């Protein structure tokens, strides 16, 4: 199968990602061991497993979730192109959550054993991993704060703003909106809401002509109003992030 060379990675052109030196690109090419294409519903990583591989999605979307003894699952967050998957397994030798493909996905595959070479020979790249872990912790804390502080309307608005901003940064937003292929139950789980409450909240956003999420497509009709509802500044600057 034809593989994407790191030098020609379609994600590197987006300004949201920190520029890499030629030396770093060469290392990433040696770190990459292949590409994987999976269908929707495929489990990429299983909670409690010791995966030998790490991934960065080139195309497609997925989600992270935890499973309880009852069999119910709690969605933690959503996976978009450019995210790094499997850092927990790489550092802790065991995944603390599962990752599943929501759509067809193409992923860069990395050998977990080479992770420590990065720390030894490429400290700047290793710092990027630390940065990603810190940001993940920050957003988890923000999500918990939102659950404790905001009503359902605020939580859904904040989720839509965050997802829209992430998609916009990698050119996944058009005049018709963005592809958001998740279920209402996924969004409800991620935000600590019931399905009924989530459905009513989405209806309010439609009626107020702020946002419409229907048939896997999210269209934001008033970004300023959505930001205000989410308690986020419309003028905030995007945060540059490393691409692994």
Protein backbone atom coordinates (compact mmCIF):
# COMPACT_ATOMS: atom_id res chain seq x y z
CA UNK A 1 0.00 0.00 0.00
CA UNK A 2 1.25 3.49 -0.90
CA UNK A 3 2.27 5.31 2.26
CA UNK A 4 2.35 9.03 2.95
CA UNK A 5 5.89 10.30 3.45
CA UNK A 6 6.31 12.54 6.46
CA UNK A 7 7.74 15.27 4.22
CA UNK A 8 4.49 15.19 2.25
CA UNK A 9 2.15 14.82 5.21
CA UNK A 10 -1.09 16.66 4.34
CA UNK A 11 -1.43 17.86 7.95
CA UNK A 12 1.92 19.69 8.09
CA UNK A 13 0.65 22.50 5.87
CA UNK A 14 -1.82 23.72 8.48
CA UNK A 15 -0.61 26.69 10.60
CA UNK A 16 -2.08 25.16 13.77
CA UNK A 17 0.82 22.68 13.89
CA UNK A 18 4.30 23.72 15.04
CA UNK A 19 6.87 23.61 12.25
CA UNK A 20 9.39 20.75 12.34
CA UNK A 21 13.04 20.90 11.36
CA UNK A 22 14.32 18.66 8.56
CA UNK A 23 16.08 16.55 11.19
CA UNK A 24 12.83 16.07 13.11
CA UNK A 25 10.96 15.13 9.94
CA UNK A 26 13.65 12.55 9.13
CA UNK A 27 13.28 11.07 12.61
CA UNK A 28 9.50 10.92 12.31
CA UNK A 29 9.91 9.05 9.03
CA UNK A 30 12.12 6.48 10.78
CA UNK A 31 9.67 6.38 13.75
CA UNK A 32 6.78 5.61 11.39
CA UNK A 33 6.46 1.91 10.55
CA UNK A 34 3.42 1.99 8.28
CA UNK A 35 -0.15 3.10 7.73
CA UNK A 36 -3.39 1.49 8.80
CA UNK A 37 -6.83 1.82 7.23
CA UNK A 38 -9.81 0.78 9.34
CA UNK A 39 -13.59 0.84 9.00
CA UNK A 40 -16.03 2.58 11.32
CA UNK A 41 -16.53 0.64 14.55
CA UNK A 42 -12.99 -0.76 14.64
CA UNK A 43 -11.37 -0.74 18.09
CA UNK A 44 -7.91 0.78 17.74
CA UNK A 45 -6.89 0.42 21.36
CA UNK A 46 -8.53 -1.48 24.20
CA UNK A 47 -8.61 -0.40 27.82
CA UNK A 48 -6.20 -2.55 29.83
CA UNK A 49 -4.23 -3.61 26.75
CA UNK A 50 -0.52 -3.20 26.16
CA UNK A 51 -0.47 -2.04 22.54
CA UNK A 52 2.88 -2.15 20.71
CA UNK A 53 1.75 0.63 18.39
CA UNK A 54 0.94 4.33 18.52
CA UNK A 55 -1.15 6.24 15.98
CA UNK A 56 -1.79 9.63 14.42
CA UNK A 57 -4.94 9.85 12.28
CA UNK A 58 -4.40 11.33 8.82
CA UNK A 59 -8.07 11.11 7.91
CA UNK A 60 -11.28 10.19 9.71
CA UNK A 61 -12.67 10.59 13.22
CA UNK A 62 -12.99 8.44 16.32
CA UNK A 63 -13.63 8.65 20.03
CA UNK A 64 -12.02 7.77 23.35
CA UNK A 65 -14.10 6.07 26.04
CA UNK A 66 -13.98 4.11 29.30
CA UNK A 67 -16.09 1.03 29.98
CA UNK A 68 -17.67 0.33 33.37
CA UNK A 69 -18.31 -3.07 34.95
CA UNK A 70 -21.99 -2.68 34.03
CA UNK A 71 -21.00 -2.61 30.36
CA UNK A 72 -21.91 1.07 29.99
CA UNK A 73 -19.33 3.37 28.50
CA UNK A 74 -18.32 6.95 29.19
CA UNK A 75 -17.10 8.98 26.21
CA UNK A 76 -14.03 11.01 27.20
CA UNK A 77 -13.41 13.03 24.05
CA UNK A 78 -13.35 12.92 20.26
CA UNK A 79 -10.46 12.01 17.96
CA UNK A 80 -9.71 14.14 14.88
CA UNK A 81 -6.86 14.12 12.32
CA UNK A 82 -3.57 15.19 13.90
CA UNK A 83 -4.34 13.79 17.36
CA UNK A 84 -1.85 11.37 18.93
CA UNK A 85 -3.28 8.07 20.12
CA UNK A 86 -1.69 5.66 22.59
CA UNK A 87 0.56 7.84 24.72
CA UNK A 88 -0.77 6.19 27.88
CA UNK A 89 0.23 2.75 26.63
CA UNK A 90 3.60 4.12 25.57
CA UNK A 91 4.41 5.52 29.01
CA UNK A 92 2.30 3.45 31.43
CA UNK A 93 2.43 0.17 29.42
CA UNK A 94 -1.35 -0.11 29.63
CA UNK A 95 -4.24 1.85 28.13
CA UNK A 96 -6.58 3.43 30.68
CA UNK A 97 -9.28 3.90 28.04
CA UNK A 98 -10.33 2.53 24.66
CA UNK A 99 -10.20 4.21 21.25
CA UNK A 100 -12.67 3.42 18.48
CA UNK A 101 -13.01 4.58 14.86
CA UNK A 102 -16.28 6.40 14.22
CA UNK A 103 -15.66 6.71 10.48
CA UNK A 104 -13.30 5.08 8.02
CA UNK A 105 -9.83 6.15 9.18
CA UNK A 106 -6.31 6.26 7.80
CA UNK A 107 -3.66 6.33 10.52
CA UNK A 108 0.11 6.67 10.67
CA UNK A 109 1.50 3.80 12.75
CA UNK A 110 4.51 4.20 15.04
CA UNK A 111 6.56 1.61 16.91
CA UNK A 112 6.13 2.15 20.65
CA UNK A 113 9.60 0.73 21.36
CA UNK A 114 11.15 3.67 19.51
CA UNK A 115 9.50 6.13 21.90
CA UNK A 116 12.47 6.11 24.25
CA UNK A 117 14.82 6.86 21.35
CA UNK A 118 12.89 10.07 20.96
CA UNK A 119 13.52 11.02 24.59
CA UNK A 120 17.22 10.19 24.26
CA UNK A 121 18.05 11.70 20.86
CA UNK A 122 15.28 14.21 20.14
CA UNK A 123 14.41 16.02 23.39
CA UNK A 124 12.41 18.67 21.52
CA UNK A 125 10.10 15.98 20.14
CA UNK A 126 9.94 14.34 23.58
CA UNK A 127 8.89 17.69 25.05
CA UNK A 128 6.09 17.74 22.46
CA UNK A 129 4.76 14.51 23.98
CA UNK A 130 4.86 16.12 27.43
CA UNK A 131 3.00 19.13 26.02
CA UNK A 132 0.31 16.90 24.52
CA UNK A 133 -0.13 15.09 27.84
CA UNK A 134 -0.40 18.43 29.68
CA UNK A 135 -2.99 19.76 27.23
CA UNK A 136 -5.02 16.57 27.51
CA UNK A 137 -5.01 16.99 31.30
CA UNK A 138 -6.01 20.66 30.90
CA UNK A 139 -8.99 19.86 28.70
CA UNK A 140 -10.06 17.06 31.03
CA UNK A 141 -10.00 19.54 33.91
CA UNK A 142 -11.91 22.08 31.83
CA UNK A 143 -14.52 19.45 30.97
CA UNK A 144 -14.97 18.54 34.64
CA UNK A 145 -15.29 22.22 35.54
CA UNK A 146 -17.90 22.70 32.81
CA UNK A 147 -19.90 19.73 34.10
CA UNK A 148 -19.89 21.21 37.60
CA UNK A 149 -20.46 24.84 36.63
CA UNK A 150 -22.43 25.05 33.37
CA UNK A 151 -25.95 24.06 32.42
CA UNK A 152 -26.68 21.78 29.49
CA UNK A 153 -26.86 24.63 26.99
CA UNK A 154 -23.44 25.92 28.02
CA UNK A 155 -21.86 22.46 27.90
CA UNK A 156 -23.16 21.67 24.42
CA UNK A 157 -22.20 25.14 23.17
CA UNK A 158 -18.66 24.72 24.50
CA UNK A 159 -18.33 21.29 22.91
CA UNK A 160 -19.50 22.63 19.55
CA UNK A 161 -17.11 25.59 19.71
CA UNK A 162 -14.16 23.33 20.56
CA UNK A 163 -14.99 20.81 17.84
CA UNK A 164 -15.60 23.56 15.28
CA UNK A 165 -12.29 25.24 16.11
CA UNK A 166 -10.37 21.97 15.85
CA UNK A 167 -12.01 21.14 12.52
CA UNK A 168 -11.51 24.65 11.15
CA UNK A 169 -7.78 24.48 11.93
CA UNK A 170 -7.39 21.44 9.65
CA UNK A 171 -9.70 22.68 6.89
CA UNK A 172 -12.66 20.45 7.69
CA UNK A 173 -15.23 23.26 7.84
CA UNK A 174 -17.05 24.40 4.68
CA UNK A 175 -19.94 26.79 4.02
CA UNK A 176 -22.25 23.85 4.76
CA UNK A 177 -20.66 23.23 8.15
CA UNK A 178 -18.51 20.32 9.34
CA UNK A 179 -18.91 16.58 9.35
CA UNK A 180 -19.68 15.49 12.92
CA UNK A 181 -20.47 11.77 12.62
CA UNK A 182 -21.20 11.01 16.28
CA UNK A 183 -24.42 9.97 17.98
CA UNK A 184 -26.36 12.19 20.36
CA UNK A 185 -25.64 9.58 23.02
CA UNK A 186 -21.89 10.08 22.47
CA UNK A 187 -22.24 13.82 23.03
CA UNK A 188 -24.48 13.26 26.05
CA UNK A 189 -21.95 10.85 27.59
CA UNK A 190 -19.06 13.22 27.00
CA UNK A 191 -20.91 16.12 28.64
CA UNK A 192 -22.51 14.29 31.56
CA UNK A 193 -26.04 14.84 30.26
CA UNK A 194 -28.99 12.56 29.69
CA UNK A 195 -29.99 11.81 26.11
CA UNK A 196 -33.33 13.57 26.66
CA UNK A 197 -31.63 16.70 28.02
CA UNK A 198 -29.16 16.71 25.13
CA UNK A 199 -31.97 16.41 22.60
CA UNK A 200 -33.87 19.33 24.18
CA UNK A 201 -30.69 21.42 24.23
CA UNK A 202 -30.02 20.80 20.55
CA UNK A 203 -33.61 21.82 19.81
CA UNK A 204 -33.09 25.11 21.68
CA UNK A 205 -29.95 25.84 19.64
CA UNK A 206 -31.90 25.21 16.43
CA UNK A 207 -34.87 27.35 17.51
CA UNK A 208 -32.56 30.24 18.49
CA UNK A 209 -30.79 29.90 15.13
CA UNK A 210 -27.39 29.39 16.75
CA UNK A 211 -26.39 25.88 15.63
CA UNK A 212 -27.88 22.88 13.88
CA UNK A 213 -26.57 19.33 14.26
CA UNK A 214 -28.46 16.97 12.02
CA UNK A 215 -27.62 13.83 10.01
CA UNK A 216 -23.98 13.93 11.07
CA UNK A 217 -23.47 17.54 9.97
CA UNK A 218 -22.87 20.48 12.34
CA UNK A 219 -23.62 23.98 11.03
CA UNK A 220 -22.96 26.95 13.28
CA UNK A 221 -25.31 29.80 12.39
CA UNK A 222 -24.01 32.34 14.94
CA UNK A 223 -20.47 31.75 16.17
CA UNK A 224 -20.48 34.85 18.45
CA UNK A 225 -23.67 33.73 20.21
CA UNK A 226 -22.34 30.18 20.56
CA UNK A 227 -19.09 31.47 22.10
CA UNK A 228 -21.02 33.67 24.52
CA UNK A 229 -23.14 30.73 25.55
CA UNK A 230 -19.99 28.64 26.00
CA UNK A 231 -18.30 31.38 28.10
CA UNK A 232 -15.43 31.56 25.59
CA UNK A 233 -13.98 34.69 24.01
CA UNK A 234 -14.67 34.88 20.31
CA UNK A 235 -11.35 36.73 19.84
CA UNK A 236 -9.13 34.14 21.55
CA UNK A 237 -6.02 33.05 19.66
CA UNK A 238 -5.64 29.43 18.52
CA UNK A 239 -3.04 27.44 20.45
CA UNK A 240 -0.30 25.98 18.25
CA UNK A 241 0.25 22.29 18.81
CA UNK A 242 2.89 19.75 17.85
CA UNK A 243 2.23 17.11 15.22
CA UNK A 244 3.54 13.63 15.99
